[in-house]
Amino acid sequence: MPKMRASATKPPANQKDEMFRHTDIKQAPWWTVEADDKRRARLNCIAHILSSVPYQDAIPPLLHLPHRRPPDDSYIRPPKGEQNFVPDLAL
């Protein structure tokens, strides 16, 4: 019978803790999520990830548009058969 590695005989939680001890470094930290409440865990993960991304407020300044011109009554739309249309998928 083949011998089992020592790490294979440890419970999974102990293996996780040992992995964290060896791989959790300042340059690449592990983050643990309390996940008893799955919805809260997801929201906490999203908030944590977003908090680590630097950003600046990207709200553009208000645009001041000129008044619309009155419609041109001499415009005639070309026949629909001369144009390509995206199919209408009635869902």
PDB file of N, CA and C in Angstrom:
ATOM      1  N   MET A   1       0.851  -1.173   0.000  1.00  0.00           N
ATOM      2  CA  MET A   1       0.000   0.000   0.000  1.00  0.00           C
ATOM      3  C   MET A   1       0.900   1.240   0.000  1.00  0.00           C
ATOM      4  N   PRO A   2       0.608   2.256  -0.887  1.00  0.00           N
ATOM      5  CA  PRO A   2       1.464   3.446  -0.934  1.00  0.00           C
ATOM      6  C   PRO A   2       1.290   4.288   0.324  1.00  0.00           C
ATOM      7  N   LYS A   3       2.379   4.948   0.703  1.00  0.00           N
ATOM      8  CA  LYS A   3       2.344   5.814   1.872  1.00  0.00           C
ATOM      9  C   LYS A   3       1.660   7.131   1.520  1.00  0.00           C
ATOM     10  N   MET A   4       0.886   7.659   2.457  1.00  0.00           N
ATOM     11  CA  MET A   4       0.227   8.946   2.246  1.00  0.00           C
ATOM     12  C   MET A   4       1.134  10.052   2.770  1.00  0.00           C
ATOM     13  N   ARG A   5       1.094  11.166   2.069  1.00  0.00           N
ATOM     14  CA  ARG A   5       1.852  12.332   2.547  1.00  0.00           C
ATOM     15  C   ARG A   5       1.278  12.778   3.876  1.00  0.00           C
ATOM     16  N   ALA A   6       2.100  13.391   4.696  1.00  0.00           N
ATOM     17  CA  ALA A   6       1.648  13.847   6.010  1.00  0.00           C
ATOM     18  C   ALA A   6       0.544  14.885   5.875  1.00  0.00           C
ATOM     19  N   SER A   7       0.652  15.773   4.856  1.00  0.00           N
ATOM     20  CA  SER A   7      -0.360  16.821   4.698  1.00  0.00           C
ATOM     21  C   SER A   7      -1.706  16.251   4.279  1.00  0.00           C
ATOM     22  N   ALA A   8      -1.715  15.071   3.652  1.00  0.00           N
ATOM     23  CA  ALA A   8      -2.965  14.475   3.208  1.00  0.00           C
ATOM     24  C   ALA A   8      -3.760  13.908   4.377  1.00  0.00           C
ATOM     25  N   THR A   9      -3.118  13.700   5.515  1.00  0.00           N
ATOM     26  CA  THR A   9      -3.816  13.140   6.661  1.00  0.00           C
ATOM     27  C   THR A   9      -4.380  14.215   7.575  1.00  0.00           C
ATOM     28  N   LYS A  10      -4.033  15.494   7.326  1.00  0.00           N
ATOM     29  CA  LYS A  10      -4.535  16.587   8.158  1.00  0.00           C
ATOM     30  C   LYS A  10      -5.928  17.000   7.697  1.00  0.00           C
ATOM     31  N   PRO A  11      -6.761  17.468   8.634  1.00  0.00           N
ATOM     32  CA  PRO A  11      -8.078  17.976   8.226  1.00  0.00           C
ATOM     33  C   PRO A  11      -7.928  19.174   7.287  1.00  0.00           C
ATOM     34  N   PRO A  12      -8.901  19.400   6.397  1.00  0.00           N
ATOM     35  CA  PRO A  12      -8.802  20.508   5.430  1.00  0.00           C
ATOM     36  C   PRO A  12      -8.580  21.873   6.082  1.00  0.00           C
ATOM     37  N   ALA A  13      -9.205  22.139   7.234  1.00  0.00           N
ATOM     38  CA  ALA A  13      -9.019  23.438   7.880  1.00  0.00           C
ATOM     39  C   ALA A  13      -7.564  23.639   8.286  1.00  0.00           C
ATOM     40  N   ASN A  14      -6.927  22.585   8.773  1.00  0.00           N
ATOM     41  CA  ASN A  14      -5.515  22.693   9.155  1.00  0.00           C
ATOM     42  C   ASN A  14      -4.646  22.917   7.926  1.00  0.00           C
ATOM     43  N   GLN A  15      -4.983  22.257   6.825  1.00  0.00           N
ATOM     44  CA  GLN A  15      -4.224  22.449   5.587  1.00  0.00           C
ATOM     45  C   GLN A  15      -4.354  23.887   5.104  1.00  0.00           C
ATOM     46  N   LYS A  16      -5.566  24.447   5.204  1.00  0.00           N
ATOM     47  CA  LYS A  16      -5.782  25.842   4.799  1.00  0.00           C
ATOM     48  C   LYS A  16      -4.945  26.771   5.660  1.00  0.00           C
ATOM     49  N   ASP A  17      -4.967  26.556   6.976  1.00  0.00           N
ATOM     50  CA  ASP A  17      -4.196  27.407   7.876  1.00  0.00           C
ATOM     51  C   ASP A  17      -2.704  27.317   7.579  1.00  0.00           C
ATOM     52  N   GLU A  18      -2.232  26.113   7.287  1.00  0.00           N
ATOM     53  CA  GLU A  18      -0.820  25.938   6.964  1.00  0.00           C
ATOM     54  C   GLU A  18      -0.470  26.638   5.643  1.00  0.00           C
ATOM     55  N   MET A  19      -1.361  26.534   4.657  1.00  0.00           N
ATOM     56  CA  MET A  19      -1.138  27.213   3.389  1.00  0.00           C
ATOM     57  C   MET A  19      -1.074  28.722   3.603  1.00  0.00           C
ATOM     58  N   PHE A  20      -1.988  29.258   4.419  1.00  0.00           N
ATOM     59  CA  PHE A  20      -1.978  30.699   4.704  1.00  0.00           C
ATOM     60  C   PHE A  20      -0.662  31.111   5.352  1.00  0.00           C
ATOM     61  N   ARG A  21      -0.179  30.314   6.307  1.00  0.00           N
ATOM     62  CA  ARG A  21       1.088  30.650   6.982  1.00  0.00           C
ATOM     63  C   ARG A  21       2.238  30.768   5.994  1.00  0.00           C
ATOM     64  N   HIS A  22       2.245  29.933   4.971  1.00  0.00           N
ATOM     65  CA  HIS A  22       3.354  29.907   4.016  1.00  0.00           C
ATOM     66  C   HIS A  22       3.179  30.881   2.844  1.00  0.00           C
ATOM     67  N   THR A  23       1.945  31.245   2.525  1.00  0.00           N
ATOM     68  CA  THR A  23       1.733  32.029   1.301  1.00  0.00           C
ATOM     69  C   THR A  23       1.139  33.415   1.527  1.00  0.00           C
ATOM     70  N   ASP A  24       0.697  33.737   2.734  1.00  0.00           N
ATOM     71  CA  ASP A  24       0.114  35.056   3.014  1.00  0.00           C
ATOM     72  C   ASP A  24       1.253  36.036   3.268  1.00  0.00           C
ATOM     73  N   ILE A  25       1.589  36.813   2.227  1.00  0.00           N
ATOM     74  CA  ILE A  25       2.689  37.763   2.341  1.00  0.00           C
ATOM     75  C   ILE A  25       2.176  39.174   2.106  1.00  0.00           C
ATOM     76  N   LYS A  26       2.959  40.160   2.504  1.00  0.00           N
ATOM     77  CA  LYS A  26       2.540  41.555   2.396  1.00  0.00           C
ATOM     78  C   LYS A  26       2.220  41.935   0.943  1.00  0.00           C
ATOM     79  N   GLN A  27       2.999  41.443  -0.013  1.00  0.00           N
ATOM     80  CA  GLN A  27       2.818  41.791  -1.420  1.00  0.00           C
ATOM     81  C   GLN A  27       1.606  41.097  -2.036  1.00  0.00           C
ATOM     82  N   ALA A  28       1.190  39.978  -1.467  1.00  0.00           N
ATOM     83  CA  ALA A  28       0.053  39.225  -2.008  1.00  0.00           C
ATOM     84  C   ALA A  28      -0.716  38.586  -0.851  1.00  0.00           C
ATOM     85  N   PRO A  29      -1.493  39.401  -0.117  1.00  0.00           N
ATOM     86  CA  PRO A  29      -2.186  38.856   1.056  1.00  0.00           C
ATOM     87  C   PRO A  29      -3.426  38.043   0.693  1.00  0.00           C
ATOM     88  N   TRP A  30      -3.737  37.103   1.561  1.00  0.00           N
ATOM     89  CA  TRP A  30      -4.997  36.376   1.477  1.00  0.00           C
ATOM     90  C   TRP A  30      -6.033  37.175   2.254  1.00  0.00           C
ATOM     91  N   TRP A  31      -7.271  37.140   1.816  1.00  0.00           N
ATOM     92  CA  TRP A  31      -8.371  37.788   2.522  1.00  0.00           C
ATOM     93  C   TRP A  31      -9.423  36.723   2.796  1.00  0.00           C
ATOM     94  N   THR A  32      -9.848  36.615   4.037  1.00  0.00           N
ATOM     95  CA  THR A  32     -10.856  35.642   4.430  1.00  0.00           C
ATOM     96  C   THR A  32     -12.202  36.346   4.517  1.00  0.00           C
ATOM     97  N   VAL A  33     -13.237  35.691   4.049  1.00  0.00           N
ATOM     98  CA  VAL A  33     -14.582  36.270   4.052  1.00  0.00           C
ATOM     99  C   VAL A  33     -15.461  35.484   5.021  1.00  0.00           C
ATOM    100  N   GLU A  34     -16.035  36.198   5.992  1.00  0.00           N
ATOM    101  CA  GLU A  34     -17.023  35.569   6.868  1.00  0.00           C
ATOM    102  C   GLU A  34     -18.274  35.351   6.017  1.00  0.00           C
ATOM    103  N   ALA A  35     -18.666  34.091   5.813  1.00  0.00           N
ATOM    104  CA  ALA A  35     -19.720  33.808   4.846  1.00  0.00           C
ATOM    105  C   ALA A  35     -20.906  33.059   5.440  1.00  0.00           C
ATOM    106  N   ASP A  36     -21.197  33.285   6.709  1.00  0.00           N
ATOM    107  CA  ASP A  36     -22.395  32.665   7.277  1.00  0.00           C
ATOM    108  C   ASP A  36     -23.644  33.238   6.598  1.00  0.00           C
ATOM    109  N   ASP A  37     -23.612  34.523   6.291  1.00  0.00           N
ATOM    110  CA  ASP A  37     -24.697  35.202   5.570  1.00  0.00           C
ATOM    111  C   ASP A  37     -24.174  35.463   4.152  1.00  0.00           C
ATOM    112  N   LYS A  38     -24.595  34.652   3.187  1.00  0.00           N
ATOM    113  CA  LYS A  38     -24.027  34.698   1.830  1.00  0.00           C
ATOM    114  C   LYS A  38     -24.232  36.058   1.162  1.00  0.00           C
ATOM    115  N   ARG A  39     -25.402  36.644   1.321  1.00  0.00           N
ATOM    116  CA  ARG A  39     -25.663  37.949   0.692  1.00  0.00           C
ATOM    117  C   ARG A  39     -24.712  39.003   1.251  1.00  0.00           C
ATOM    118  N   ARG A  40     -24.577  39.041   2.565  1.00  0.00           N
ATOM    119  CA  ARG A  40     -23.679  40.000   3.199  1.00  0.00           C
ATOM    120  C   ARG A  40     -22.226  39.732   2.777  1.00  0.00           C
ATOM    121  N   ALA A  41     -21.859  38.455   2.655  1.00  0.00           N
ATOM    122  CA  ALA A  41     -20.501  38.104   2.243  1.00  0.00           C
ATOM    123  C   ALA A  41     -20.216  38.622   0.835  1.00  0.00           C
ATOM    124  N   ARG A  42     -21.172  38.460  -0.080  1.00  0.00           N
ATOM    125  CA  ARG A  42     -20.978  38.954  -1.449  1.00  0.00           C
ATOM    126  C   ARG A  42     -20.825  40.469  -1.467  1.00  0.00           C
ATOM    127  N   LEU A  43     -21.697  41.158  -0.728  1.00  0.00           N
ATOM    128  CA  LEU A  43     -21.624  42.618  -0.691  1.00  0.00           C
ATOM    129  C   LEU A  43     -20.312  43.088  -0.063  1.00  0.00           C
ATOM    130  N   ASN A  44     -19.872  42.404   0.991  1.00  0.00           N
ATOM    131  CA  ASN A  44     -18.601  42.758   1.621  1.00  0.00           C
ATOM    132  C   ASN A  44     -17.436  42.552   0.659  1.00  0.00           C
ATOM    133  N   CYS A  45     -17.478  41.473  -0.122  1.00  0.00           N
ATOM    134  CA  CYS A  45     -16.413  41.222  -1.112  1.00  0.00           C
ATOM    135  C   CYS A  45     -16.390  42.318  -2.169  1.00  0.00           C
ATOM    136  N   ILE A  46     -17.554  42.666  -2.685  1.00  0.00           N
ATOM    137  CA  ILE A  46     -17.623  43.714  -3.706  1.00  0.00           C
ATOM    138  C   ILE A  46     -17.103  45.026  -3.151  1.00  0.00           C
ATOM    139  N   ALA A  47     -17.545  45.392  -1.936  1.00  0.00           N
ATOM    140  CA  ALA A  47     -17.093  46.642  -1.322  1.00  0.00           C
ATOM    141  C   ALA A  47     -15.590  46.624  -1.088  1.00  0.00           C
ATOM    142  N   HIS A  48     -15.055  45.483  -0.654  1.00  0.00           N
ATOM    143  CA  HIS A  48     -13.613  45.381  -0.401  1.00  0.00           C
ATOM    144  C   HIS A  48     -12.815  45.533  -1.696  1.00  0.00           C
ATOM    145  N   ILE A  49     -13.248  44.851  -2.737  1.00  0.00           N
ATOM    146  CA  ILE A  49     -12.536  44.943  -4.025  1.00  0.00           C
ATOM    147  C   ILE A  49     -12.591  46.371  -4.552  1.00  0.00           C
ATOM    148  N   LEU A  50     -13.763  46.986  -4.506  1.00  0.00           N
ATOM    149  CA  LEU A  50     -13.888  48.360  -5.001  1.00  0.00           C
ATOM    150  C   LEU A  50     -13.057  49.333  -4.169  1.00  0.00           C
ATOM    151  N   SER A  51     -12.940  49.075  -2.858  1.00  0.00           N
ATOM    152  CA  SER A  51     -12.150  49.982  -2.017  1.00  0.00           C
ATOM    153  C   SER A  51     -10.657  49.896  -2.322  1.00  0.00           C
ATOM    154  N   SER A  52     -10.231  48.813  -2.955  1.00  0.00           N
ATOM    155  CA  SER A  52      -8.805  48.671  -3.264  1.00  0.00           C
ATOM    156  C   SER A  52      -8.437  49.261  -4.626  1.00  0.00           C
ATOM    157  N   VAL A  53      -9.429  49.706  -5.388  1.00  0.00           N
ATOM    158  CA  VAL A  53      -9.185  50.280  -6.712  1.00  0.00           C
ATOM    159  C   VAL A  53      -9.216  51.803  -6.605  1.00  0.00           C
ATOM    160  N   PRO A  54      -8.100  52.470  -6.934  1.00  0.00           N
ATOM    161  CA  PRO A  54      -8.123  53.938  -6.865  1.00  0.00           C
ATOM    162  C   PRO A  54      -8.998  54.502  -7.993  1.00  0.00           C
ATOM    163  N   TYR A  55      -9.754  55.519  -7.676  1.00  0.00           N
ATOM    164  CA  TYR A  55     -10.595  56.134  -8.694  1.00  0.00           C
ATOM    165  C   TYR A  55     -10.804  57.604  -8.360  1.00  0.00           C
ATOM    166  N   GLN A  56     -11.206  58.336  -9.368  1.00  0.00           N
ATOM    167  CA  GLN A  56     -11.581  59.729  -9.197  1.00  0.00           C
ATOM    168  C   GLN A  56     -13.026  59.870  -9.651  1.00  0.00           C
ATOM    169  N   ASP A  57     -13.710  60.836  -9.087  1.00  0.00           N
ATOM    170  CA  ASP A  57     -15.092  61.068  -9.477  1.00  0.00           C
ATOM    171  C   ASP A  57     -15.135  61.355 -10.975  1.00  0.00           C
ATOM    172  N   ALA A  58     -15.938  60.599 -11.703  1.00  0.00           N
ATOM    173  CA  ALA A  58     -15.974  60.725 -13.159  1.00  0.00           C
ATOM    174  C   ALA A  58     -17.271  61.364 -13.653  1.00  0.00           C
ATOM    175  N   ILE A  59     -17.950  62.106 -12.796  1.00  0.00           N
ATOM    176  CA  ILE A  59     -19.180  62.754 -13.231  1.00  0.00           C
ATOM    177  C   ILE A  59     -18.806  63.905 -14.165  1.00  0.00           C
ATOM    178  N   PRO A  60     -19.260  63.844 -15.407  1.00  0.00           N
ATOM    179  CA  PRO A  60     -18.886  64.901 -16.352  1.00  0.00           C
ATOM    180  C   PRO A  60     -19.608  66.211 -16.024  1.00  0.00           C
ATOM    181  N   PRO A  61     -19.046  67.327 -16.468  1.00  0.00           N
ATOM    182  CA  PRO A  61     -19.737  68.598 -16.238  1.00  0.00           C
ATOM    183  C   PRO A  61     -21.036  68.633 -17.055  1.00  0.00           C
ATOM    184  N   LEU A  62     -21.979  69.427 -16.586  1.00  0.00           N
ATOM    185  CA  LEU A  62     -23.250  69.543 -17.299  1.00  0.00           C
ATOM    186  C   LEU A  62     -23.035  70.157 -18.674  1.00  0.00           C
ATOM    187  N   LEU A  63     -23.721  69.622 -19.658  1.00  0.00           N
ATOM    188  CA  LEU A  63     -23.652  70.164 -21.006  1.00  0.00           C
ATOM    189  C   LEU A  63     -24.792  71.147 -21.221  1.00  0.00           C
ATOM    190  N   HIS A  64     -24.500  72.225 -21.870  1.00  0.00           N
ATOM    191  CA  HIS A  64     -25.532  73.186 -22.225  1.00  0.00           C
ATOM    192  C   HIS A  64     -25.775  73.061 -23.725  1.00  0.00           C
ATOM    193  N   LEU A  65     -26.876  72.406 -24.068  1.00  0.00           N
ATOM    194  CA  LEU A  65     -27.189  72.151 -25.467  1.00  0.00           C
ATOM    195  C   LEU A  65     -27.980  73.315 -26.054  1.00  0.00           C
ATOM    196  N   PRO A  66     -27.747  73.602 -27.335  1.00  0.00           N
ATOM    197  CA  PRO A  66     -28.542  74.657 -27.971  1.00  0.00           C
ATOM    198  C   PRO A  66     -29.980  74.181 -28.167  1.00  0.00           C
ATOM    199  N   HIS A  67     -30.884  75.087 -28.383  1.00  0.00           N
ATOM    200  CA  HIS A  67     -32.276  74.727 -28.644  1.00  0.00           C
ATOM    201  C   HIS A  67     -32.355  73.925 -29.936  1.00  0.00           C
ATOM    202  N   ARG A  68     -33.298  73.015 -30.006  1.00  0.00           N
ATOM    203  CA  ARG A  68     -33.462  72.200 -31.207  1.00  0.00           C
ATOM    204  C   ARG A  68     -34.009  73.033 -32.348  1.00  0.00           C
ATOM    205  N   ARG A  69     -33.523  72.704 -33.516  1.00  0.00           N
ATOM    206  CA  ARG A  69     -34.060  73.375 -34.710  1.00  0.00           C
ATOM    207  C   ARG A  69     -35.431  72.807 -35.026  1.00  0.00           C
ATOM    208  N   PRO A  70     -36.253  73.575 -35.652  1.00  0.00           N
ATOM    209  CA  PRO A  70     -37.558  73.021 -36.051  1.00  0.00           C
ATOM    210  C   PRO A  70     -37.346  71.927 -37.104  1.00  0.00           C
ATOM    211  N   PRO A  71     -38.262  70.960 -37.181  1.00  0.00           N
ATOM    212  CA  PRO A  71     -38.091  69.876 -38.150  1.00  0.00           C
ATOM    213  C   PRO A  71     -38.086  70.396 -39.585  1.00  0.00           C
ATOM    214  N   ASP A  72     -37.300  69.701 -40.420  1.00  0.00           N
ATOM    215  CA  ASP A  72     -37.205  70.058 -41.837  1.00  0.00           C
ATOM    216  C   ASP A  72     -38.327  69.320 -42.570  1.00  0.00           C
ATOM    217  N   ASP A  73     -39.339  70.024 -43.003  1.00  0.00           N
ATOM    218  CA  ASP A  73     -40.496  69.409 -43.657  1.00  0.00           C
ATOM    219  C   ASP A  73     -40.168  68.877 -45.049  1.00  0.00           C
ATOM    220  N   SER A  74     -39.018  69.249 -45.617  1.00  0.00           N
ATOM    221  CA  SER A  74     -38.674  68.786 -46.961  1.00  0.00           C
ATOM    222  C   SER A  74     -37.938  67.436 -46.927  1.00  0.00           C
ATOM    223  N   TYR A  75     -37.605  66.912 -45.740  1.00  0.00           N
ATOM    224  CA  TYR A  75     -36.887  65.635 -45.635  1.00  0.00           C
ATOM    225  C   TYR A  75     -37.812  64.480 -45.985  1.00  0.00           C
ATOM    226  N   ILE A  76     -37.312  63.577 -46.839  1.00  0.00           N
ATOM    227  CA  ILE A  76     -38.052  62.374 -47.213  1.00  0.00           C
ATOM    228  C   ILE A  76     -37.176  61.178 -46.856  1.00  0.00           C
ATOM    229  N   ARG A  77     -37.699  60.303 -46.014  1.00  0.00           N
ATOM    230  CA  ARG A  77     -36.934  59.137 -45.567  1.00  0.00           C
ATOM    231  C   ARG A  77     -36.803  58.145 -46.714  1.00  0.00           C
ATOM    232  N   PRO A  78     -35.606  57.566 -46.919  1.00  0.00           N
ATOM    233  CA  PRO A  78     -35.450  56.568 -47.984  1.00  0.00           C
ATOM    234  C   PRO A  78     -36.273  55.312 -47.682  1.00  0.00           C
ATOM    235  N   PRO A  79     -36.603  54.539 -48.706  1.00  0.00           N
ATOM    236  CA  PRO A  79     -37.383  53.316 -48.483  1.00  0.00           C
ATOM    237  C   PRO A  79     -36.644  52.345 -47.558  1.00  0.00           C
ATOM    238  N   LYS A  80     -37.392  51.641 -46.716  1.00  0.00           N
ATOM    239  CA  LYS A  80     -36.781  50.716 -45.765  1.00  0.00           C
ATOM    240  C   LYS A  80     -36.035  49.581 -46.464  1.00  0.00           C
ATOM    241  N   GLY A  81     -36.421  49.232 -47.660  1.00  0.00           N
ATOM    242  CA  GLY A  81     -35.754  48.158 -48.390  1.00  0.00           C
ATOM    243  C   GLY A  81     -34.320  48.503 -48.772  1.00  0.00           C
ATOM    244  N   GLU A  82     -33.943  49.768 -48.718  1.00  0.00           N
ATOM    245  CA  GLU A  82     -32.588  50.194 -49.075  1.00  0.00           C
ATOM    246  C   GLU A  82     -31.645  50.229 -47.867  1.00  0.00           C
ATOM    247  N   GLN A  83     -32.154  49.847 -46.702  1.00  0.00           N
ATOM    248  CA  GLN A  83     -31.346  49.911 -45.490  1.00  0.00           C
ATOM    249  C   GLN A  83     -31.302  48.544 -44.815  1.00  0.00           C
ATOM    250  N   ASN A  84     -30.287  48.349 -43.974  1.00  0.00           N
ATOM    251  CA  ASN A  84     -30.167  47.128 -43.183  1.00  0.00           C
ATOM    252  C   ASN A  84     -30.699  47.396 -41.783  1.00  0.00           C
ATOM    253  N   PHE A  85     -31.541  46.511 -41.296  1.00  0.00           N
ATOM    254  CA  PHE A  85     -32.126  46.668 -39.971  1.00  0.00           C
ATOM    255  C   PHE A  85     -31.769  45.466 -39.109  1.00  0.00           C
ATOM    256  N   VAL A  86     -31.572  45.718 -37.850  1.00  0.00           N
ATOM    257  CA  VAL A  86     -31.374  44.629 -36.887  1.00  0.00           C
ATOM    258  C   VAL A  86     -32.710  43.938 -36.710  1.00  0.00           C
ATOM    259  N   PRO A  87     -32.736  42.594 -36.745  1.00  0.00           N
ATOM    260  CA  PRO A  87     -34.011  41.893 -36.596  1.00  0.00           C
ATOM    261  C   PRO A  87     -34.651  42.185 -35.250  1.00  0.00           C
ATOM    262  N   ASP A  88     -35.971  42.296 -35.225  1.00  0.00           N
ATOM    263  CA  ASP A  88     -36.716  42.543 -34.008  1.00  0.00           C
ATOM    264  C   ASP A  88     -37.095  41.212 -33.403  1.00  0.00           C
ATOM    265  N   LEU A  89     -36.463  40.882 -32.285  1.00  0.00           N
ATOM    266  CA  LEU A  89     -36.761  39.629 -31.593  1.00  0.00           C
ATOM    267  C   LEU A  89     -37.824  39.901 -30.545  1.00  0.00           C
ATOM    268  N   ALA A  90     -39.057  39.665 -30.878  1.00  0.00           N
ATOM    269  CA  ALA A  90     -40.158  39.922 -29.965  1.00  0.00           C
ATOM    270  C   ALA A  90     -40.089  38.871 -28.854  1.00  0.00           C
ATOM    271  N   LEU A  91     -39.610  39.306 -27.684  1.00  0.00           N
ATOM    272  CA  LEU A  91     -39.474  38.351 -26.566  1.00  0.00           C
ATOM    273  C   LEU A  91     -40.674  38.353 -25.699  1.00  0.00           C
TER     274      LEU A  91
END
